[in-house]
Amino acid sequence: MDTNIEILGDQEETLGTAEDLREEIAVEVVQHEVVGSHVKIEFETSKGLCTGYYFVNELGHEELNMEPDSVIILTNLFPDYYGAYINSLNRDWVDIDLSVKYDGCPEYKIYNRHVVL
């Protein structure tokens, strides 16, 4: 009785091939932000997905133009919602600006960023 179990086939289906990985990396290189780029971002809140857009500037603290549905989500979560910004120190995070100042601002990790050409 042969007790060897072949798992390589299952792993290839789950993880993809080396060629797939090379293609992903090539696509990622194309997505660099440069000053003036128009960028679409998405982040997940407890009330749903939020989508916003910004133009890359030299200061690195861009204000997001949120889609109307996203503004509704954010005002439901934070009645004092005043706006949203890309975090200038860590561009993978969105800072939520509130009209009433608290100790620290709510922030969300960006999970999808797309440079619109």
C-alpha atoms as a PDB file:
ATOM      1  CA  MET A   1       0.000   0.000   0.000  1.00  0.00           C
ATOM      2  CA  ASP A   2       1.372   3.410  -1.037  1.00  0.00           C
ATOM      3  CA  THR A   3       0.959   6.013   1.742  1.00  0.00           C
ATOM      4  CA  ASN A   4       2.547   8.946  -0.112  1.00  0.00           C
ATOM      5  CA  ILE A   5       0.088  11.783  -0.483  1.00  0.00           C
ATOM      6  CA  GLU A   6       0.423  14.157  -3.409  1.00  0.00           C
ATOM      7  CA  ILE A   7      -0.368  17.692  -2.232  1.00  0.00           C
ATOM      8  CA  LEU A   8       1.592  19.635  -4.827  1.00  0.00           C
ATOM      9  CA  GLY A   9      -1.365  19.754  -7.219  1.00  0.00           C
ATOM     10  CA  ASP A  10      -3.602  21.248  -4.519  1.00  0.00           C
ATOM     11  CA  GLN A  11      -0.967  23.814  -3.602  1.00  0.00           C
ATOM     12  CA  GLU A  12      -0.573  24.916  -7.202  1.00  0.00           C
ATOM     13  CA  GLU A  13      -4.300  25.535  -7.444  1.00  0.00           C
ATOM     14  CA  THR A  14      -4.299  27.549  -4.214  1.00  0.00           C
ATOM     15  CA  LEU A  15      -1.019  29.440  -4.508  1.00  0.00           C
ATOM     16  CA  GLY A  16      -0.675  29.776  -8.270  1.00  0.00           C
ATOM     17  CA  THR A  17       2.481  29.272 -10.279  1.00  0.00           C
ATOM     18  CA  ALA A  18       5.736  31.229 -10.404  1.00  0.00           C
ATOM     19  CA  GLU A  19       4.561  32.723 -13.715  1.00  0.00           C
ATOM     20  CA  ASP A  20       1.396  34.056 -12.022  1.00  0.00           C
ATOM     21  CA  LEU A  21       3.519  35.669  -9.325  1.00  0.00           C
ATOM     22  CA  ARG A  22       5.787  37.346 -11.906  1.00  0.00           C
ATOM     23  CA  GLU A  23       2.715  38.772 -13.652  1.00  0.00           C
ATOM     24  CA  GLU A  24       1.371  40.175 -10.352  1.00  0.00           C
ATOM     25  CA  ILE A  25       4.694  41.836  -9.593  1.00  0.00           C
ATOM     26  CA  ALA A  26       4.846  43.379 -13.077  1.00  0.00           C
ATOM     27  CA  VAL A  27       1.345  44.818 -12.652  1.00  0.00           C
ATOM     28  CA  GLU A  28       2.273  46.197  -9.220  1.00  0.00           C
ATOM     29  CA  VAL A  29       5.261  48.083 -10.678  1.00  0.00           C
ATOM     30  CA  VAL A  30       2.974  49.859 -13.146  1.00  0.00           C
ATOM     31  CA  GLN A  31       0.818  51.153 -10.270  1.00  0.00           C
ATOM     32  CA  HIS A  32       3.354  53.669  -8.875  1.00  0.00           C
ATOM     33  CA  GLU A  33       1.910  56.965  -7.726  1.00  0.00           C
ATOM     34  CA  VAL A  34       3.478  60.088  -9.165  1.00  0.00           C
ATOM     35  CA  VAL A  35       2.553  63.694  -8.458  1.00  0.00           C
ATOM     36  CA  GLY A  36      -0.663  64.436 -10.326  1.00  0.00           C
ATOM     37  CA  SER A  37      -1.860  60.801 -10.496  1.00  0.00           C
ATOM     38  CA  HIS A  38      -5.559  60.193  -9.873  1.00  0.00           C
ATOM     39  CA  VAL A  39      -5.921  57.306  -7.426  1.00  0.00           C
ATOM     40  CA  LYS A  40      -8.946  55.260  -6.348  1.00  0.00           C
ATOM     41  CA  ILE A  41      -8.793  53.604  -2.920  1.00  0.00           C
ATOM     42  CA  GLU A  42     -11.093  51.286  -1.002  1.00  0.00           C
ATOM     43  CA  PHE A  43     -11.169  50.450   2.677  1.00  0.00           C
ATOM     44  CA  GLU A  44     -13.498  48.307   4.767  1.00  0.00           C
ATOM     45  CA  THR A  45     -15.426  49.605   7.787  1.00  0.00           C
ATOM     46  CA  SER A  46     -17.765  47.742  10.130  1.00  0.00           C
ATOM     47  CA  LYS A  47     -20.681  49.246   8.157  1.00  0.00           C
ATOM     48  CA  GLY A  48     -19.376  48.426   4.684  1.00  0.00           C
ATOM     49  CA  LEU A  49     -16.919  49.236   1.926  1.00  0.00           C
ATOM     50  CA  CYS A  50     -15.855  52.860   1.409  1.00  0.00           C
ATOM     51  CA  THR A  51     -14.434  54.241  -1.827  1.00  0.00           C
ATOM     52  CA  GLY A  52     -12.607  57.507  -2.368  1.00  0.00           C
ATOM     53  CA  TYR A  53     -10.382  59.289  -4.862  1.00  0.00           C
ATOM     54  CA  TYR A  54      -7.434  61.648  -4.567  1.00  0.00           C
ATOM     55  CA  PHE A  55      -4.818  63.389  -6.660  1.00  0.00           C
ATOM     56  CA  VAL A  56      -1.246  62.738  -5.530  1.00  0.00           C
ATOM     57  CA  ASN A  57       0.460  65.937  -4.392  1.00  0.00           C
ATOM     58  CA  GLU A  58       3.943  66.805  -3.144  1.00  0.00           C
ATOM     59  CA  LEU A  59       2.807  67.238   0.463  1.00  0.00           C
ATOM     60  CA  GLY A  60       1.661  63.618   0.847  1.00  0.00           C
ATOM     61  CA  HIS A  61      -1.455  64.450   2.900  1.00  0.00           C
ATOM     62  CA  GLU A  62      -4.140  64.233   0.226  1.00  0.00           C
ATOM     63  CA  GLU A  63      -7.799  64.777   0.978  1.00  0.00           C
ATOM     64  CA  LEU A  64     -10.106  62.036  -0.279  1.00  0.00           C
ATOM     65  CA  ASN A  65     -13.176  62.770  -2.356  1.00  0.00           C
ATOM     66  CA  MET A  66     -15.488  60.074  -1.033  1.00  0.00           C
ATOM     67  CA  GLU A  67     -18.317  58.541  -3.041  1.00  0.00           C
ATOM     68  CA  PRO A  68     -21.776  59.555  -1.719  1.00  0.00           C
ATOM     69  CA  ASP A  69     -22.553  56.067  -0.350  1.00  0.00           C
ATOM     70  CA  SER A  70     -19.222  56.102   1.484  1.00  0.00           C
ATOM     71  CA  VAL A  71     -19.997  59.486   3.066  1.00  0.00           C
ATOM     72  CA  ILE A  72     -23.283  58.016   4.376  1.00  0.00           C
ATOM     73  CA  ILE A  73     -21.392  55.049   5.869  1.00  0.00           C
ATOM     74  CA  LEU A  74     -18.807  57.305   7.502  1.00  0.00           C
ATOM     75  CA  THR A  75     -21.363  59.743   8.926  1.00  0.00           C
ATOM     76  CA  ASN A  76     -23.297  56.783  10.362  1.00  0.00           C
ATOM     77  CA  LEU A  77     -20.107  55.534  12.020  1.00  0.00           C
ATOM     78  CA  PHE A  78     -18.878  58.990  13.045  1.00  0.00           C
ATOM     79  CA  PRO A  79     -21.600  61.660  13.378  1.00  0.00           C
ATOM     80  CA  ASP A  80     -18.795  64.257  13.592  1.00  0.00           C
ATOM     81  CA  TYR A  81     -17.271  63.090  10.246  1.00  0.00           C
ATOM     82  CA  TYR A  82     -15.519  66.031   8.598  1.00  0.00           C
ATOM     83  CA  GLY A  83     -13.385  64.383   5.907  1.00  0.00           C
ATOM     84  CA  ALA A  84     -10.830  61.698   5.124  1.00  0.00           C
ATOM     85  CA  TYR A  85      -7.138  61.944   4.267  1.00  0.00           C
ATOM     86  CA  ILE A  86      -4.284  59.702   3.204  1.00  0.00           C
ATOM     87  CA  ASN A  87      -1.944  59.345   6.180  1.00  0.00           C
ATOM     88  CA  SER A  88       1.217  61.276   5.292  1.00  0.00           C
ATOM     89  CA  LEU A  89       3.558  58.978   7.257  1.00  0.00           C
ATOM     90  CA  ASN A  90       2.054  55.647   6.196  1.00  0.00           C
ATOM     91  CA  ARG A  91       0.244  55.842   2.858  1.00  0.00           C
ATOM     92  CA  ASP A  92      -1.415  52.474   3.447  1.00  0.00           C
ATOM     93  CA  TRP A  93      -3.805  54.093   5.942  1.00  0.00           C
ATOM     94  CA  VAL A  94      -6.733  56.514   5.721  1.00  0.00           C
ATOM     95  CA  ASP A  95      -7.252  59.012   8.543  1.00  0.00           C
ATOM     96  CA  ILE A  96     -10.815  60.064   9.327  1.00  0.00           C
ATOM     97  CA  ASP A  97     -11.063  63.721  10.296  1.00  0.00           C
ATOM     98  CA  LEU A  98     -13.743  64.629  12.835  1.00  0.00           C
ATOM     99  CA  SER A  99     -15.186  68.103  13.430  1.00  0.00           C
ATOM    100  CA  VAL A 100     -14.864  67.505  17.181  1.00  0.00           C
ATOM    101  CA  LYS A 101     -11.271  66.762  18.176  1.00  0.00           C
ATOM    102  CA  TYR A 102     -10.628  63.618  20.207  1.00  0.00           C
ATOM    103  CA  ASP A 103      -7.455  61.943  21.359  1.00  0.00           C
ATOM    104  CA  GLY A 104      -6.400  60.247  18.122  1.00  0.00           C
ATOM    105  CA  CYS A 105      -8.330  59.939  14.876  1.00  0.00           C
ATOM    106  CA  PRO A 106     -10.063  56.842  13.550  1.00  0.00           C
ATOM    107  CA  GLU A 107      -8.029  55.208  10.791  1.00  0.00           C
ATOM    108  CA  TYR A 108      -8.516  52.385   8.311  1.00  0.00           C
ATOM    109  CA  LYS A 109      -6.058  50.253   6.369  1.00  0.00           C
ATOM    110  CA  ILE A 110      -6.394  50.582   2.595  1.00  0.00           C
ATOM    111  CA  TYR A 111      -6.872  47.186   1.001  1.00  0.00           C
ATOM    112  CA  ASN A 112      -7.244  48.270  -2.627  1.00  0.00           C
ATOM    113  CA  ARG A 113      -5.440  51.083  -4.440  1.00  0.00           C
ATOM    114  CA  HIS A 114      -5.709  51.687  -8.179  1.00  0.00           C
ATOM    115  CA  VAL A 115      -3.927  54.430 -10.105  1.00  0.00           C
ATOM    116  CA  VAL A 116      -6.414  55.755 -12.664  1.00  0.00           C
ATOM    117  CA  LEU A 117      -4.648  56.723 -15.876  1.00  0.00           C
END
